[in-house]
Amino acid sequence: MGSLSCCLLLVLVLLSPRTAAARKCNLQGPWRNELGSNLTLSALDTAGTFSGSYHTAVAATNKQILVSPLQGAQQHPGAKGQPTFGFTVQWQFADSTTAFVGQCFVDRRGKETLETTWLLREEVPSRRDTWKATRVGTSIFTRIK
């Protein structure tokens, strides 16, 4: 009976879901936010930097929306399972740049999300218009399967 109990306990441990802390969030790959914008991130290099592209679903312009390049970095790559990161998007269809900062989270079921806050700065004709040049917001991205 002792060895059977031991085997059952081992099976339960092996089959039980891992804790969120044990799961590592991987930034690489395709993501979508709540507005339908798509983000694709490359693999991290050894310094923790990455590149990618952003295809926004929303914009305050009448111009055609284009896929735009981004550059970013992850803090302490490989050190912890739910890293912080930041990236900037150089919009190809507007005179603006957006900086995103956030953290990658993994829930108990293994679902990864990127929780971000962003600042968008658009070009204005003069310093008098600076008051209206910056927008702030949040976006939550989930991995596209």
N, C-alpha and C. Protein backbone atom coordinates (compact mmCIF):
# COMPACT_ATOMS: atom_id res chain seq x y z
N MET A 1 0.82 -1.19 0.00
CA MET A 1 0.00 0.00 0.00
C MET A 1 0.86 1.26 0.00
N GLY A 2 2.01 1.20 0.66
CA GLY A 2 2.91 2.34 0.73
C GLY A 2 3.44 2.74 -0.63
N SER A 3 3.84 1.78 -1.46
CA SER A 3 4.38 2.12 -2.77
C SER A 3 3.28 2.63 -3.70
N LEU A 4 2.06 2.13 -3.56
CA LEU A 4 0.94 2.60 -4.36
C LEU A 4 0.62 4.06 -4.02
N SER A 5 0.62 4.38 -2.75
CA SER A 5 0.38 5.76 -2.32
C SER A 5 1.45 6.69 -2.85
N CYS A 6 2.68 6.22 -2.79
CA CYS A 6 3.82 7.01 -3.28
C CYS A 6 3.68 7.27 -4.78
N CYS A 7 3.27 6.25 -5.53
CA CYS A 7 3.10 6.39 -6.98
C CYS A 7 1.96 7.35 -7.31
N LEU A 8 0.86 7.25 -6.57
CA LEU A 8 -0.27 8.16 -6.79
C LEU A 8 0.12 9.60 -6.50
N LEU A 9 0.85 9.80 -5.43
CA LEU A 9 1.31 11.14 -5.08
C LEU A 9 2.23 11.70 -6.17
N LEU A 10 3.13 10.87 -6.68
CA LEU A 10 4.03 11.29 -7.74
C LEU A 10 3.26 11.67 -9.00
N VAL A 11 2.26 10.88 -9.37
CA VAL A 11 1.43 11.17 -10.54
C VAL A 11 0.69 12.49 -10.36
N LEU A 12 0.13 12.72 -9.18
CA LEU A 12 -0.58 13.97 -8.92
C LEU A 12 0.35 15.18 -9.03
N VAL A 13 1.53 15.06 -8.50
CA VAL A 13 2.49 16.15 -8.57
C VAL A 13 2.88 16.43 -10.02
N LEU A 14 3.14 15.39 -10.78
CA LEU A 14 3.57 15.57 -12.16
C LEU A 14 2.46 16.10 -13.06
N LEU A 15 1.22 15.75 -12.77
CA LEU A 15 0.10 16.17 -13.61
C LEU A 15 -0.54 17.47 -13.16
N SER A 16 -0.23 17.93 -11.98
CA SER A 16 -0.85 19.17 -11.48
C SER A 16 -0.30 20.36 -12.24
N PRO A 17 -1.15 21.40 -12.42
CA PRO A 17 -0.66 22.58 -13.13
C PRO A 17 0.49 23.24 -12.38
N ARG A 18 1.46 23.72 -13.14
CA ARG A 18 2.58 24.43 -12.52
C ARG A 18 2.09 25.78 -12.03
N THR A 19 2.79 26.32 -11.06
CA THR A 19 2.43 27.64 -10.57
C THR A 19 2.80 28.68 -11.60
N ALA A 20 2.16 29.86 -11.53
CA ALA A 20 2.45 30.94 -12.48
C ALA A 20 3.91 31.35 -12.40
N ALA A 21 4.48 31.31 -11.21
CA ALA A 21 5.88 31.70 -11.05
C ALA A 21 6.81 30.74 -11.78
N ALA A 22 6.41 29.47 -11.90
CA ALA A 22 7.25 28.49 -12.58
C ALA A 22 7.18 28.63 -14.09
N ARG A 23 6.13 29.24 -14.60
CA ARG A 23 5.98 29.44 -16.04
C ARG A 23 6.73 30.70 -16.45
N LYS A 24 7.40 30.62 -17.58
CA LYS A 24 8.10 31.79 -18.10
C LYS A 24 7.33 32.35 -19.27
N CYS A 25 7.16 33.64 -19.24
CA CYS A 25 6.49 34.34 -20.32
C CYS A 25 7.51 34.65 -21.41
N ASN A 26 7.17 34.32 -22.63
CA ASN A 26 8.05 34.52 -23.77
C ASN A 26 7.44 35.62 -24.64
N LEU A 27 8.17 36.72 -24.82
CA LEU A 27 7.64 37.84 -25.59
C LEU A 27 7.55 37.53 -27.09
N GLN A 28 8.38 36.64 -27.58
CA GLN A 28 8.46 36.38 -29.02
C GLN A 28 7.13 35.87 -29.55
N GLY A 29 6.77 36.38 -30.74
CA GLY A 29 5.59 35.86 -31.43
C GLY A 29 4.51 36.90 -31.65
N PRO A 30 3.34 36.43 -32.12
CA PRO A 30 2.24 37.34 -32.45
C PRO A 30 1.30 37.58 -31.26
N TRP A 31 0.83 38.82 -31.12
CA TRP A 31 -0.06 39.24 -30.04
C TRP A 31 -1.17 40.13 -30.61
N ARG A 32 -2.32 40.18 -29.93
CA ARG A 32 -3.44 41.06 -30.34
C ARG A 32 -4.00 41.74 -29.10
N ASN A 33 -4.32 43.03 -29.22
CA ASN A 33 -4.91 43.73 -28.08
C ASN A 33 -6.44 43.80 -28.20
N GLU A 34 -7.04 44.44 -27.21
CA GLU A 34 -8.50 44.50 -27.11
C GLU A 34 -9.15 45.30 -28.24
N LEU A 35 -8.38 46.10 -28.96
CA LEU A 35 -8.91 46.88 -30.08
C LEU A 35 -8.68 46.21 -31.42
N GLY A 36 -7.98 45.07 -31.41
CA GLY A 36 -7.71 44.34 -32.64
C GLY A 36 -6.39 44.68 -33.29
N SER A 37 -5.54 45.45 -32.62
CA SER A 37 -4.21 45.75 -33.16
C SER A 37 -3.30 44.54 -32.99
N ASN A 38 -2.43 44.31 -33.97
CA ASN A 38 -1.53 43.16 -33.96
C ASN A 38 -0.09 43.60 -33.74
N LEU A 39 0.58 42.85 -32.89
CA LEU A 39 1.96 43.10 -32.50
C LEU A 39 2.72 41.81 -32.76
N THR A 40 3.87 41.90 -33.43
CA THR A 40 4.71 40.73 -33.66
C THR A 40 6.11 41.06 -33.15
N LEU A 41 6.61 40.23 -32.23
CA LEU A 41 7.92 40.48 -31.62
C LEU A 41 8.90 39.38 -32.00
N SER A 42 10.13 39.78 -32.30
CA SER A 42 11.19 38.83 -32.64
C SER A 42 11.76 38.23 -31.36
N ALA A 43 12.62 37.25 -31.54
CA ALA A 43 13.30 36.64 -30.40
C ALA A 43 14.25 37.67 -29.79
N LEU A 44 14.45 37.54 -28.48
CA LEU A 44 15.41 38.40 -27.79
C LEU A 44 16.83 38.04 -28.20
N ASP A 45 17.69 39.05 -28.33
CA ASP A 45 19.11 38.74 -28.51
C ASP A 45 19.74 38.59 -27.13
N THR A 46 21.02 38.37 -27.07
CA THR A 46 21.68 38.11 -25.78
C THR A 46 21.64 39.31 -24.84
N ALA A 47 21.46 40.51 -25.38
CA ALA A 47 21.37 41.72 -24.56
C ALA A 47 19.95 41.98 -24.09
N GLY A 48 18.99 41.18 -24.57
CA GLY A 48 17.60 41.37 -24.19
C GLY A 48 16.83 42.32 -25.08
N THR A 49 17.42 42.71 -26.23
CA THR A 49 16.71 43.60 -27.14
C THR A 49 15.97 42.79 -28.20
N PHE A 50 14.95 43.42 -28.77
CA PHE A 50 14.15 42.77 -29.79
C PHE A 50 13.63 43.82 -30.77
N SER A 51 13.13 43.35 -31.88
CA SER A 51 12.48 44.21 -32.87
C SER A 51 11.15 43.57 -33.21
N GLY A 52 10.44 44.21 -34.09
CA GLY A 52 9.16 43.65 -34.49
C GLY A 52 8.35 44.62 -35.31
N SER A 53 7.06 44.36 -35.36
CA SER A 53 6.15 45.22 -36.11
C SER A 53 4.84 45.37 -35.37
N TYR A 54 4.17 46.48 -35.65
CA TYR A 54 2.89 46.80 -35.02
C TYR A 54 1.93 47.21 -36.13
N HIS A 55 0.77 46.59 -36.18
CA HIS A 55 -0.27 46.94 -37.13
C HIS A 55 -1.48 47.37 -36.33
N THR A 56 -1.63 48.69 -36.18
CA THR A 56 -2.71 49.21 -35.36
C THR A 56 -4.06 49.07 -36.06
N ALA A 57 -5.09 48.85 -35.28
CA ALA A 57 -6.44 48.77 -35.81
C ALA A 57 -7.14 50.12 -35.70
N VAL A 58 -6.55 51.05 -34.96
CA VAL A 58 -7.16 52.36 -34.73
C VAL A 58 -6.11 53.45 -34.91
N ALA A 59 -6.54 54.60 -35.43
CA ALA A 59 -5.63 55.73 -35.58
C ALA A 59 -6.44 57.01 -35.73
N ALA A 60 -5.86 58.11 -35.29
CA ALA A 60 -6.50 59.42 -35.41
C ALA A 60 -5.98 60.12 -36.67
N THR A 61 -6.15 59.47 -37.80
CA THR A 61 -5.70 60.02 -39.08
C THR A 61 -6.60 59.50 -40.19
N ASN A 62 -6.61 60.24 -41.27
CA ASN A 62 -7.34 59.78 -42.46
C ASN A 62 -6.44 59.03 -43.42
N LYS A 63 -5.14 58.97 -43.11
CA LYS A 63 -4.19 58.27 -43.96
C LYS A 63 -4.35 56.76 -43.83
N GLN A 64 -3.88 56.04 -44.83
CA GLN A 64 -3.91 54.59 -44.80
C GLN A 64 -3.00 54.09 -43.69
N ILE A 65 -3.51 53.19 -42.87
CA ILE A 65 -2.73 52.61 -41.78
C ILE A 65 -1.74 51.60 -42.36
N LEU A 66 -0.48 51.73 -41.97
CA LEU A 66 0.58 50.84 -42.44
C LEU A 66 1.20 50.10 -41.26
N VAL A 67 1.71 48.91 -41.52
CA VAL A 67 2.47 48.18 -40.51
C VAL A 67 3.71 49.01 -40.19
N SER A 68 4.01 49.16 -38.90
CA SER A 68 5.10 50.03 -38.47
C SER A 68 6.13 49.27 -37.64
N PRO A 69 7.42 49.62 -37.80
CA PRO A 69 8.47 48.91 -37.08
C PRO A 69 8.55 49.33 -35.61
N LEU A 70 9.10 48.43 -34.80
CA LEU A 70 9.32 48.74 -33.39
C LEU A 70 10.66 48.19 -32.95
N GLN A 71 11.19 48.78 -31.87
CA GLN A 71 12.43 48.34 -31.23
C GLN A 71 12.18 48.33 -29.74
N GLY A 72 12.71 47.31 -29.04
CA GLY A 72 12.47 47.25 -27.61
C GLY A 72 13.51 46.47 -26.85
N ALA A 73 13.28 46.38 -25.55
CA ALA A 73 14.17 45.65 -24.66
C ALA A 73 13.38 45.04 -23.52
N GLN A 74 13.83 43.88 -23.08
CA GLN A 74 13.25 43.21 -21.92
C GLN A 74 14.24 43.35 -20.77
N GLN A 75 13.75 43.65 -19.59
CA GLN A 75 14.60 43.78 -18.42
C GLN A 75 15.06 42.41 -17.94
N HIS A 76 16.35 42.23 -17.73
CA HIS A 76 16.93 41.00 -17.20
C HIS A 76 16.38 39.75 -17.89
N PRO A 77 16.65 39.57 -19.17
CA PRO A 77 16.12 38.40 -19.88
C PRO A 77 16.54 37.10 -19.21
N GLY A 78 15.59 36.22 -19.05
CA GLY A 78 15.85 34.90 -18.50
C GLY A 78 15.89 34.84 -16.98
N ALA A 79 15.88 35.98 -16.30
CA ALA A 79 16.02 35.98 -14.85
C ALA A 79 14.73 35.55 -14.13
N LYS A 80 13.62 36.10 -14.57
CA LYS A 80 12.35 35.80 -13.92
C LYS A 80 11.32 35.42 -14.97
N GLY A 81 10.23 34.85 -14.52
CA GLY A 81 9.24 34.34 -15.45
C GLY A 81 8.26 35.34 -15.99
N GLN A 82 8.13 36.51 -15.35
CA GLN A 82 7.13 37.49 -15.78
C GLN A 82 7.82 38.85 -15.93
N PRO A 83 8.58 39.01 -17.04
CA PRO A 83 9.47 40.15 -17.19
C PRO A 83 8.78 41.46 -17.54
N THR A 84 9.48 42.55 -17.21
CA THR A 84 9.07 43.87 -17.69
C THR A 84 9.80 44.14 -19.00
N PHE A 85 9.24 45.04 -19.80
CA PHE A 85 9.79 45.33 -21.11
C PHE A 85 9.33 46.71 -21.56
N GLY A 86 9.92 47.20 -22.61
CA GLY A 86 9.49 48.44 -23.23
C GLY A 86 9.83 48.42 -24.70
N PHE A 87 9.04 49.15 -25.51
CA PHE A 87 9.36 49.27 -26.93
C PHE A 87 8.77 50.56 -27.48
N THR A 88 9.35 51.04 -28.55
CA THR A 88 8.82 52.22 -29.24
C THR A 88 8.40 51.83 -30.65
N VAL A 89 7.33 52.46 -31.10
CA VAL A 89 6.82 52.23 -32.45
C VAL A 89 7.01 53.52 -33.25
N GLN A 90 7.64 53.38 -34.39
CA GLN A 90 7.82 54.50 -35.32
C GLN A 90 6.73 54.38 -36.38
N TRP A 91 5.65 55.13 -36.21
CA TRP A 91 4.50 55.02 -37.11
C TRP A 91 4.88 55.45 -38.52
N GLN A 92 4.55 54.62 -39.51
CA GLN A 92 4.90 54.87 -40.90
C GLN A 92 3.86 55.71 -41.64
N PHE A 93 2.75 56.01 -40.99
CA PHE A 93 1.67 56.74 -41.65
C PHE A 93 1.29 58.02 -40.92
N ALA A 94 2.01 58.35 -39.85
CA ALA A 94 1.69 59.54 -39.06
C ALA A 94 2.97 60.15 -38.51
N ASP A 95 2.91 61.42 -38.16
CA ASP A 95 4.05 62.11 -37.56
C ASP A 95 4.00 61.96 -36.05
N SER A 96 4.14 60.71 -35.60
CA SER A 96 4.07 60.43 -34.17
C SER A 96 4.88 59.18 -33.84
N THR A 97 5.16 59.04 -32.56
CA THR A 97 5.89 57.89 -32.02
C THR A 97 5.18 57.47 -30.75
N THR A 98 5.13 56.17 -30.50
CA THR A 98 4.51 55.68 -29.28
C THR A 98 5.52 54.83 -28.51
N ALA A 99 5.58 55.07 -27.20
CA ALA A 99 6.42 54.27 -26.30
C ALA A 99 5.50 53.43 -25.42
N PHE A 100 5.76 52.13 -25.41
CA PHE A 100 5.00 51.19 -24.58
C PHE A 100 5.92 50.67 -23.48
N VAL A 101 5.40 50.53 -22.26
CA VAL A 101 6.09 49.81 -21.19
C VAL A 101 5.10 48.83 -20.59
N GLY A 102 5.60 47.70 -20.13
CA GLY A 102 4.66 46.73 -19.59
C GLY A 102 5.33 45.56 -18.93
N GLN A 103 4.48 44.58 -18.64
CA GLN A 103 4.96 43.34 -18.03
C GLN A 103 4.20 42.19 -18.64
N CYS A 104 4.90 41.08 -18.81
CA CYS A 104 4.32 39.86 -19.35
C CYS A 104 3.90 38.98 -18.18
N PHE A 105 2.65 38.53 -18.19
CA PHE A 105 2.13 37.68 -17.12
C PHE A 105 1.66 36.35 -17.68
N VAL A 106 1.76 35.30 -16.86
CA VAL A 106 1.26 33.98 -17.20
C VAL A 106 0.30 33.57 -16.09
N ASP A 107 -0.96 33.23 -16.45
CA ASP A 107 -1.91 32.83 -15.42
C ASP A 107 -1.78 31.33 -15.12
N ARG A 108 -2.62 30.84 -14.22
CA ARG A 108 -2.54 29.43 -13.79
C ARG A 108 -2.76 28.46 -14.93
N ARG A 109 -3.51 28.87 -15.94
CA ARG A 109 -3.80 27.99 -17.08
C ARG A 109 -2.75 28.10 -18.18
N GLY A 110 -1.75 28.96 -17.96
CA GLY A 110 -0.70 29.13 -18.96
C GLY A 110 -0.97 30.22 -19.97
N LYS A 111 -2.06 30.97 -19.81
CA LYS A 111 -2.39 32.06 -20.74
C LYS A 111 -1.46 33.24 -20.49
N GLU A 112 -0.80 33.70 -21.56
CA GLU A 112 0.12 34.82 -21.47
C GLU A 112 -0.58 36.11 -21.86
N THR A 113 -0.32 37.18 -21.11
CA THR A 113 -0.82 38.51 -21.46
C THR A 113 0.29 39.53 -21.28
N LEU A 114 0.25 40.54 -22.12
CA LEU A 114 1.14 41.68 -21.99
C LEU A 114 0.30 42.85 -21.51
N GLU A 115 0.54 43.30 -20.30
CA GLU A 115 -0.17 44.45 -19.72
C GLU A 115 0.69 45.67 -19.97
N THR A 116 0.21 46.64 -20.77
CA THR A 116 1.04 47.77 -21.15
C THR A 116 0.37 49.11 -20.86
N THR A 117 1.22 50.11 -20.70
CA THR A 117 0.82 51.52 -20.67
C THR A 117 1.60 52.19 -21.78
N TRP A 118 0.95 53.11 -22.50
CA TRP A 118 1.64 53.74 -23.63
C TRP A 118 1.49 55.26 -23.60
N LEU A 119 2.48 55.92 -24.20
CA LEU A 119 2.46 57.36 -24.44
C LEU A 119 2.64 57.57 -25.93
N LEU A 120 1.72 58.28 -26.56
CA LEU A 120 1.83 58.61 -27.97
C LEU A 120 2.11 60.11 -28.07
N ARG A 121 3.18 60.45 -28.75
CA ARG A 121 3.53 61.86 -28.96
C ARG A 121 3.42 62.15 -30.44
N GLU A 122 2.58 63.13 -30.77
CA GLU A 122 2.47 63.54 -32.17
C GLU A 122 3.15 64.88 -32.37
N GLU A 123 3.63 65.08 -33.58
CA GLU A 123 4.27 66.34 -33.92
C GLU A 123 3.21 67.45 -33.93
N VAL A 124 3.56 68.60 -33.35
CA VAL A 124 2.68 69.78 -33.37
C VAL A 124 3.46 70.94 -33.97
N PRO A 125 2.75 71.94 -34.50
CA PRO A 125 3.43 73.02 -35.21
C PRO A 125 4.25 73.97 -34.32
N SER A 126 3.93 74.04 -33.05
CA SER A 126 4.65 74.97 -32.18
C SER A 126 4.60 74.51 -30.73
N ARG A 127 5.44 75.13 -29.89
CA ARG A 127 5.45 74.80 -28.46
C ARG A 127 4.12 75.14 -27.81
N ARG A 128 3.41 76.11 -28.35
CA ARG A 128 2.10 76.47 -27.79
C ARG A 128 1.12 75.31 -27.85
N ASP A 129 1.34 74.39 -28.78
CA ASP A 129 0.42 73.26 -28.96
C ASP A 129 0.88 72.00 -28.23
N THR A 130 1.95 72.08 -27.47
CA THR A 130 2.47 70.92 -26.75
C THR A 130 1.44 70.30 -25.83
N TRP A 131 0.57 71.09 -25.26
CA TRP A 131 -0.44 70.60 -24.31
C TRP A 131 -1.32 69.51 -24.92
N LYS A 132 -1.48 69.51 -26.22
CA LYS A 132 -2.36 68.51 -26.85
C LYS A 132 -1.60 67.45 -27.64
N ALA A 133 -0.28 67.41 -27.49
CA ALA A 133 0.54 66.55 -28.33
C ALA A 133 0.73 65.14 -27.78
N THR A 134 0.42 64.89 -26.51
CA THR A 134 0.69 63.59 -25.91
C THR A 134 -0.59 62.94 -25.40
N ARG A 135 -0.75 61.68 -25.78
CA ARG A 135 -1.88 60.87 -25.28
C ARG A 135 -1.33 59.74 -24.45
N VAL A 136 -2.10 59.28 -23.48
CA VAL A 136 -1.68 58.16 -22.64
C VAL A 136 -2.82 57.14 -22.60
N GLY A 137 -2.46 55.87 -22.53
CA GLY A 137 -3.49 54.83 -22.47
C GLY A 137 -2.91 53.51 -22.01
N THR A 138 -3.75 52.50 -22.00
CA THR A 138 -3.32 51.15 -21.65
C THR A 138 -3.82 50.18 -22.72
N SER A 139 -3.09 49.10 -22.86
CA SER A 139 -3.50 48.03 -23.77
C SER A 139 -3.11 46.69 -23.14
N ILE A 140 -3.98 45.71 -23.33
CA ILE A 140 -3.70 44.35 -22.89
C ILE A 140 -3.65 43.47 -24.13
N PHE A 141 -2.51 42.83 -24.33
CA PHE A 141 -2.30 41.96 -25.49
C PHE A 141 -2.37 40.50 -25.04
N THR A 142 -2.99 39.68 -25.86
CA THR A 142 -2.99 38.23 -25.63
C THR A 142 -2.33 37.56 -26.82
N ARG A 143 -1.72 36.44 -26.57
CA ARG A 143 -1.01 35.72 -27.63
C ARG A 143 -2.00 35.21 -28.67
N ILE A 144 -1.64 35.37 -29.95
CA ILE A 144 -2.42 34.83 -31.06
C ILE A 144 -1.94 33.39 -31.27
N LYS A 145 -2.83 32.44 -31.21
CA LYS A 145 -2.46 31.03 -31.38
C LYS A 145 -2.49 30.64 -32.84
